[in-house]
N, C-alpha and C. Protein backbone atom coordinates (compact mmCIF):
# COMPACT_ATOMS: atom_id res chain seq x y z
N UNK A 1 -9.90 13.25 -21.37
CA UNK A 1 -8.53 13.21 -21.81
C UNK A 1 -8.51 11.56 -21.94
N UNK A 2 -9.28 10.93 -21.35
CA UNK A 2 -9.63 9.40 -21.47
C UNK A 2 -9.95 9.14 -22.92
N UNK A 3 -9.59 9.33 -23.97
CA UNK A 3 -9.55 8.90 -25.71
C UNK A 3 -9.03 7.63 -25.67
N UNK A 4 -9.32 6.98 -25.07
CA UNK A 4 -8.54 5.35 -25.26
C UNK A 4 -9.30 4.37 -25.62
N UNK A 5 -9.27 3.59 -26.61
CA UNK A 5 -10.38 2.78 -26.03
C UNK A 5 -9.41 1.01 -25.65
N UNK A 6 -10.08 0.50 -25.23
CA UNK A 6 -9.32 -0.40 -24.67
C UNK A 6 -10.24 -1.66 -24.71
N UNK A 7 -9.48 -2.98 -25.45
CA UNK A 7 -9.35 -4.48 -26.14
C UNK A 7 -10.23 -4.96 -24.91
N UNK A 8 -10.90 -6.37 -25.14
CA UNK A 8 -11.54 -7.08 -23.83
C UNK A 8 -10.24 -7.89 -23.52
N UNK A 9 -9.37 -8.24 -24.36
CA UNK A 9 -7.97 -8.95 -23.67
C UNK A 9 -7.22 -7.66 -22.72
N UNK A 10 -7.50 -6.51 -23.10
CA UNK A 10 -6.51 -5.53 -21.96
C UNK A 10 -7.36 -5.40 -20.69
N UNK A 11 -8.81 -5.11 -21.16
CA UNK A 11 -9.62 -5.20 -19.71
C UNK A 11 -9.65 -6.43 -18.55
N UNK A 12 -8.83 -7.55 -19.11
CA UNK A 12 -8.84 -8.69 -18.20
C UNK A 12 -7.50 -8.77 -17.46
N UNK A 13 -6.56 -8.23 -18.05
CA UNK A 13 -5.47 -8.08 -17.31
C UNK A 13 -5.12 -7.22 -16.24
N UNK A 14 -4.19 -7.87 -15.52
CA UNK A 14 -4.59 -7.33 -14.14
C UNK A 14 -3.19 -6.13 -13.87
N UNK A 15 -3.42 -5.50 -12.88
CA UNK A 15 -2.42 -4.21 -12.91
C UNK A 15 -0.89 -4.62 -12.68
N UNK A 16 -0.84 -5.92 -12.14
CA UNK A 16 0.75 -6.26 -12.20
C UNK A 16 1.22 -6.57 -13.67
N UNK A 17 0.41 -7.57 -14.32
CA UNK A 17 0.95 -7.45 -16.21
C UNK A 17 0.83 -6.44 -16.83
N UNK A 18 0.26 -5.75 -16.52
CA UNK A 18 0.14 -4.08 -16.96
C UNK A 18 1.52 -3.40 -16.69
N UNK A 19 1.51 -3.64 -15.32
CA UNK A 19 2.69 -2.89 -14.75
C UNK A 19 4.19 -3.53 -15.20
N UNK A 20 4.49 -4.79 -15.75
CA UNK A 20 5.37 -5.57 -16.23
C UNK A 20 5.50 -4.96 -17.53
N UNK A 21 4.39 -4.58 -18.26
CA UNK A 21 4.27 -4.55 -19.74
C UNK A 21 5.01 -3.65 -20.25
N UNK A 22 4.56 -2.42 -19.16
CA UNK A 22 4.48 -1.29 -19.35
C UNK A 22 6.30 -0.75 -18.97
N UNK A 23 6.85 -1.29 -17.84
CA UNK A 23 7.76 -1.16 -17.75
C UNK A 23 8.88 -1.71 -19.12
N UNK A 24 8.71 -3.15 -19.44
CA UNK A 24 9.35 -3.14 -20.70
C UNK A 24 9.05 -2.35 -21.93
N UNK A 25 8.00 -1.55 -21.95
CA UNK A 25 7.43 -0.61 -22.98
C UNK A 25 8.27 0.68 -22.66
N UNK A 26 8.42 1.11 -21.94
CA UNK A 26 9.12 1.93 -21.61
C UNK A 26 10.87 1.99 -21.71
N UNK A 27 11.22 1.03 -21.40
CA UNK A 27 12.50 0.26 -21.88
C UNK A 27 12.71 0.55 -23.28
N UNK A 28 11.94 0.21 -24.13
CA UNK A 28 12.08 -0.08 -25.19
C UNK A 28 12.43 1.24 -25.92
N UNK A 29 11.31 2.52 -25.41
CA UNK A 29 11.67 3.93 -25.69
C UNK A 29 12.82 4.94 -25.09
N UNK A 30 13.55 3.96 -24.18
CA UNK A 30 14.86 4.78 -23.66
C UNK A 30 14.53 5.23 -22.24
N UNK A 31 13.63 4.63 -21.45
CA UNK A 31 13.49 4.89 -20.20
C UNK A 31 13.64 3.48 -19.22
N UNK A 32 14.60 3.67 -18.59
CA UNK A 32 14.45 3.16 -17.38
C UNK A 32 13.52 3.23 -16.11
N UNK A 33 12.40 1.98 -16.33
CA UNK A 33 11.50 2.17 -14.72
C UNK A 33 12.05 0.94 -13.95
N UNK A 34 11.92 1.38 -12.88
CA UNK A 34 12.32 0.31 -11.12
C UNK A 34 11.13 0.01 -10.51
N UNK A 35 10.46 -0.95 -10.28
CA UNK A 35 9.25 -1.09 -9.10
C UNK A 35 9.46 -0.47 -8.52
N UNK A 36 8.58 0.35 -7.24
CA UNK A 36 8.73 1.19 -6.25
C UNK A 36 8.32 0.55 -5.39
N UNK A 37 8.59 0.01 -4.12
CA UNK A 37 7.65 -1.05 -3.18
C UNK A 37 7.32 0.38 -2.24
N UNK A 38 6.24 0.76 -1.72
CA UNK A 38 5.77 2.02 -1.00
C UNK A 38 4.95 1.43 0.44
N UNK A 39 4.68 2.01 1.57
CA UNK A 39 3.88 1.53 2.22
C UNK A 39 4.90 1.25 3.44
N UNK A 40 4.25 0.34 4.36
CA UNK A 40 4.66 -0.40 5.65
C UNK A 40 5.08 -1.85 5.23
N UNK A 41 6.32 -2.14 6.13
CA UNK A 41 6.55 -3.80 6.10
C UNK A 41 6.98 -4.34 7.88
N UNK A 42 6.60 -4.93 7.83
CA UNK A 42 6.95 -5.47 8.92
C UNK A 42 8.26 -5.74 9.21
N UNK A 43 9.07 -5.46 10.22
CA UNK A 43 10.49 -5.64 10.25
C UNK A 43 10.85 -6.01 12.02
N UNK A 44 11.57 -7.15 12.62
CA UNK A 44 11.92 -7.08 13.72
C UNK A 44 12.03 -6.12 14.63
N UNK A 45 11.00 -5.50 15.33
CA UNK A 45 10.70 -4.40 16.38
C UNK A 45 10.16 -3.64 15.78
N UNK A 46 9.39 -3.82 15.24
CA UNK A 46 8.07 -3.03 14.56
C UNK A 46 7.90 -2.77 12.67
N UNK A 47 7.40 -1.78 12.32
CA UNK A 47 8.11 -1.17 11.13
C UNK A 47 8.49 -0.75 10.37
N UNK A 48 8.52 -0.72 9.15
CA UNK A 48 9.46 0.33 8.37
C UNK A 48 8.73 1.00 7.43
N UNK A 49 8.77 2.31 7.25
CA UNK A 49 8.17 2.88 5.80
C UNK A 49 9.47 2.43 4.28
N UNK A 50 8.95 1.78 3.15
CA UNK A 50 9.86 1.79 2.26
C UNK A 50 9.90 3.18 1.10
N UNK A 51 8.73 3.59 1.06
CA UNK A 51 8.55 5.15 0.33
C UNK A 51 7.68 5.79 1.00
N UNK A 52 7.95 7.03 0.50
CA UNK A 52 6.85 8.08 0.99
C UNK A 52 5.59 7.78 1.03
N UNK A 53 4.38 8.55 1.64
CA UNK A 53 2.96 8.16 0.95
C UNK A 53 3.18 8.50 -0.07
N UNK A 54 2.15 7.80 -1.26
CA UNK A 54 1.81 7.85 -2.04
C UNK A 54 2.60 7.49 -3.44
N UNK A 55 4.13 7.31 -3.43
CA UNK A 55 4.63 6.84 -4.10
C UNK A 55 4.48 6.40 -5.27
N UNK A 56 4.97 6.37 -6.44
CA UNK A 56 4.13 5.60 -7.66
C UNK A 56 5.16 4.43 -7.76
N UNK A 57 4.19 3.32 -8.26
CA UNK A 57 4.35 2.16 -8.43
C UNK A 57 5.89 1.91 -9.07
N UNK A 58 6.04 2.44 -10.04
CA UNK A 58 7.75 2.87 -10.83
C UNK A 58 8.08 4.06 -10.55
N UNK A 59 9.57 4.24 -10.55
CA UNK A 59 10.08 5.03 -10.52
C UNK A 59 11.63 4.93 -11.35
N UNK A 60 11.59 6.46 -12.77
CA UNK A 60 12.58 6.01 -13.06
C UNK A 60 13.63 7.54 -13.94
N UNK A 61 13.74 7.51 -15.18
CA UNK A 61 14.66 8.13 -15.65
C UNK A 61 14.50 8.09 -16.99
N UNK A 62 14.78 9.67 -17.58
CA UNK A 62 14.81 9.49 -19.24
C UNK A 62 16.39 10.02 -19.64
N UNK A 63 16.20 10.17 -20.86
CA UNK A 63 18.13 10.01 -21.24
C UNK A 63 18.82 11.27 -20.73
N UNK A 64 17.48 12.58 -20.35
CA UNK A 64 18.13 13.81 -19.83
C UNK A 64 17.94 13.90 -18.44
N UNK A 65 17.65 12.86 -17.81
CA UNK A 65 18.10 12.14 -16.66
C UNK A 65 16.55 13.42 -15.75
N UNK A 66 15.41 13.37 -16.18
CA UNK A 66 14.10 13.77 -15.64
C UNK A 66 13.50 12.25 -15.05
N UNK A 67 13.07 12.74 -14.00
CA UNK A 67 12.26 11.75 -13.43
C UNK A 67 11.27 11.53 -14.03
N UNK A 68 10.61 10.37 -13.81
CA UNK A 68 9.78 9.40 -14.82
C UNK A 68 9.12 9.04 -13.45
N UNK A 69 7.73 9.00 -12.72
CA UNK A 69 7.01 8.02 -12.27
C UNK A 69 5.62 8.23 -12.73
N UNK A 70 5.06 6.76 -12.54
CA UNK A 70 3.88 5.87 -13.13
C UNK A 70 3.28 4.75 -12.57
N UNK A 71 2.21 5.65 -11.96
CA UNK A 71 1.40 4.67 -11.02
C UNK A 71 0.36 3.32 -12.02
N UNK A 72 0.53 2.49 -11.86
CA UNK A 72 -0.15 1.40 -12.56
C UNK A 72 -1.79 1.15 -12.37
N UNK A 73 -2.58 0.96 -13.08
CA UNK A 73 -3.93 0.53 -12.39
C UNK A 73 -4.59 -0.40 -13.27
N UNK A 74 -5.43 -1.08 -12.98
CA UNK A 74 -6.33 -1.90 -14.22
C UNK A 74 -6.92 -1.03 -15.05
N UNK A 75 -7.73 -1.33 -16.26
CA UNK A 75 -7.95 -0.50 -16.82
C UNK A 75 -9.87 -0.34 -15.73
N UNK A 76 -10.47 -1.44 -15.21
CA UNK A 76 -11.70 -0.75 -14.19
C UNK A 76 -11.10 0.05 -13.38
N UNK A 77 -10.12 0.24 -12.37
CA UNK A 77 -9.75 1.31 -11.93
C UNK A 77 -9.82 2.39 -12.42
N UNK A 78 -8.88 2.64 -13.91
CA UNK A 78 -8.55 3.80 -14.17
C UNK A 78 -9.54 4.40 -14.71
N UNK A 79 -10.97 3.50 -14.94
CA UNK A 79 -11.88 4.34 -15.73
C UNK A 79 -12.88 4.62 -14.60
N UNK A 80 -12.43 4.68 -13.36
CA UNK A 80 -13.23 5.53 -11.86
C UNK A 80 -12.54 6.59 -11.64
N UNK A 81 -13.10 7.39 -10.63
CA UNK A 81 -12.92 8.57 -10.04
C UNK A 81 -11.56 8.65 -9.80
N UNK A 82 -10.92 9.73 -10.18
CA UNK A 82 -9.40 10.21 -9.97
C UNK A 82 -8.61 8.89 -10.65
N UNK A 83 -9.13 8.03 -11.61
CA UNK A 83 -8.04 7.21 -12.35
C UNK A 83 -7.65 6.08 -11.21
N UNK A 84 -8.82 5.77 -10.63
CA UNK A 84 -8.10 4.88 -9.33
C UNK A 84 -7.14 5.11 -8.31
N UNK A 85 -6.56 6.23 -8.49
CA UNK A 85 -5.32 6.96 -7.48
C UNK A 85 -6.35 7.19 -6.07
N UNK A 86 -5.23 7.24 -5.18
CA UNK A 86 -5.70 7.69 -4.01
C UNK A 86 -5.01 9.27 -3.49
N UNK A 87 -5.69 9.98 -2.87
CA UNK A 87 -5.27 11.29 -2.23
C UNK A 87 -3.61 11.09 -2.03
N UNK A 88 -2.86 10.67 -1.51
CA UNK A 88 -1.98 10.68 -1.82
C UNK A 88 -1.32 10.11 -3.03
N UNK A 89 -1.76 9.40 -3.55
CA UNK A 89 -1.26 9.09 -4.62
C UNK A 89 -0.98 10.16 -5.81
N UNK A 90 -2.42 11.30 -5.98
CA UNK A 90 -2.31 12.09 -6.90
C UNK A 90 -1.57 13.53 -6.28
N UNK A 91 -1.14 13.95 -5.05
CA UNK A 91 -0.79 14.66 -4.58
C UNK A 91 0.96 14.40 -4.65
N UNK A 92 1.43 12.83 -4.85
CA UNK A 92 2.83 12.55 -5.02
C UNK A 92 3.00 13.37 -6.59
N UNK A 93 1.93 12.65 -7.51
CA UNK A 93 2.40 12.73 -8.95
C UNK A 93 2.15 14.34 -9.06
N UNK A 94 1.24 14.79 -8.75
CA UNK A 94 1.12 16.41 -9.09
C UNK A 94 2.39 17.51 -8.28
N UNK A 95 3.01 16.80 -7.53
CA UNK A 95 4.27 17.51 -6.92
C UNK A 95 5.14 17.05 -7.97
N UNK A 96 5.58 16.01 -8.47
CA UNK A 96 6.34 15.74 -9.63
C UNK A 96 6.43 16.39 -10.76
N UNK A 97 4.84 16.07 -11.43
CA UNK A 97 4.79 17.39 -12.58
C UNK A 97 4.89 19.03 -12.14
N UNK A 98 4.32 19.20 -11.15
CA UNK A 98 4.75 20.92 -10.57
C UNK A 98 6.51 21.15 -10.55
N UNK A 99 7.16 20.12 -10.71
CA UNK A 99 8.52 20.20 -10.50
C UNK A 99 9.44 19.74 -11.87
N UNK A 100 8.51 19.58 -12.66
CA UNK A 100 9.40 19.14 -14.25
C UNK A 100 9.07 17.48 -14.54
N UNK A 101 8.56 16.95 -13.22
CA UNK A 101 9.22 15.83 -13.58
C UNK A 101 7.80 15.19 -14.71
N UNK A 102 8.09 13.94 -15.69
CA UNK A 102 7.20 13.20 -16.23
C UNK A 102 6.49 12.13 -14.97
N UNK A 103 5.30 12.40 -15.36
CA UNK A 103 4.60 11.26 -14.45
C UNK A 103 3.04 11.11 -15.06
N UNK A 104 2.22 10.30 -14.23
CA UNK A 104 0.70 9.91 -14.29
C UNK A 104 0.48 8.56 -14.44
N UNK A 105 -0.84 8.04 -14.52
CA UNK A 105 -1.58 6.81 -14.69
C UNK A 105 -1.51 6.14 -15.82
N UNK A 106 -1.24 4.81 -15.28
CA UNK A 106 -1.41 4.02 -16.39
C UNK A 106 -2.02 3.09 -16.56
N UNK A 107 -2.93 2.80 -17.55
CA UNK A 107 -3.32 1.41 -17.75
C UNK A 107 -3.04 0.37 -19.14
N UNK A 108 -2.44 0.99 -19.62
CA UNK A 108 -1.95 0.66 -20.94
C UNK A 108 -0.50 0.88 -21.53
N UNK A 109 0.17 0.46 -22.29
CA UNK A 109 1.51 0.60 -23.14
C UNK A 109 1.33 1.86 -23.63
N UNK A 110 0.14 2.51 -24.68
CA UNK A 110 -0.11 3.83 -24.78
C UNK A 110 0.28 4.96 -23.88
N UNK A 111 -0.47 4.73 -22.68
CA UNK A 111 -0.35 5.84 -21.40
C UNK A 111 0.77 5.73 -21.56
N UNK A 112 2.36 4.68 -21.09
CA UNK A 112 3.42 4.61 -20.89
C UNK A 112 4.40 5.30 -21.77
N UNK A 113 3.77 5.50 -22.83
CA UNK A 113 4.04 6.22 -24.28
C UNK A 113 4.28 7.88 -24.29
N UNK A 114 2.71 7.99 -23.54
CA UNK A 114 2.22 9.19 -23.56
C UNK A 114 2.83 9.64 -22.59
N UNK A 115 3.20 9.59 -21.41
CA UNK A 115 3.35 9.95 -20.34
C UNK A 115 4.74 10.56 -20.53
N UNK A 116 5.75 9.14 -20.70
CA UNK A 116 7.51 9.71 -21.21
C UNK A 116 7.33 10.73 -22.24
N UNK A 117 6.50 10.90 -23.20
CA UNK A 117 6.38 12.02 -23.98
C UNK A 117 5.54 13.52 -23.43
N UNK A 118 5.62 13.31 -22.13
CA UNK A 118 5.12 15.01 -21.76
C UNK A 118 3.56 14.44 -21.56
N UNK A 119 2.82 13.98 -21.35
CA UNK A 119 1.20 14.01 -21.46
C UNK A 119 1.30 13.59 -19.92
N UNK A 120 0.34 14.26 -19.01
CA UNK A 120 0.46 14.09 -17.68
C UNK A 120 -1.10 13.44 -17.34
N UNK A 121 -1.24 11.96 -17.80
CA UNK A 121 -2.15 10.98 -18.22
C UNK A 121 -3.10 10.89 -16.76
N UNK A 122 -4.30 11.11 -16.53
CA UNK A 122 -4.70 10.46 -15.39
C UNK A 122 -4.33 11.91 -14.31
N UNK A 123 -3.94 13.27 -14.92
CA UNK A 123 -3.66 14.00 -14.10
C UNK A 123 -4.69 15.10 -14.58
N UNK A 124 -5.30 15.18 -15.33
CA UNK A 124 -6.09 15.99 -16.22
C UNK A 124 -7.07 16.64 -15.30
């Protein structure tokens, strides 16, 4: 599935910049994506979980109200085992996939477009 060719400039981008560009790209094709903070944060009196383990970097929906969840990685991470996703992230994305949602792992705008069009990038 990794038939993508990444330019040197794409390889230099941080995960945060790839995520920012991916959110903008999704909006251009009609999908609202929002950053989703996951993990634990310290609060007065202890810790609070922000989202379930493995929740994607962004969550949104398309015009048919289908959930769209995208985990973003930099190119170097994407080219590694499991496209850089950990076990919890893969489980969450595959759960979304099994329930008819649109999801995947992206490191460029083309991945975002493919995921929105029903290609489960990074979950092959």
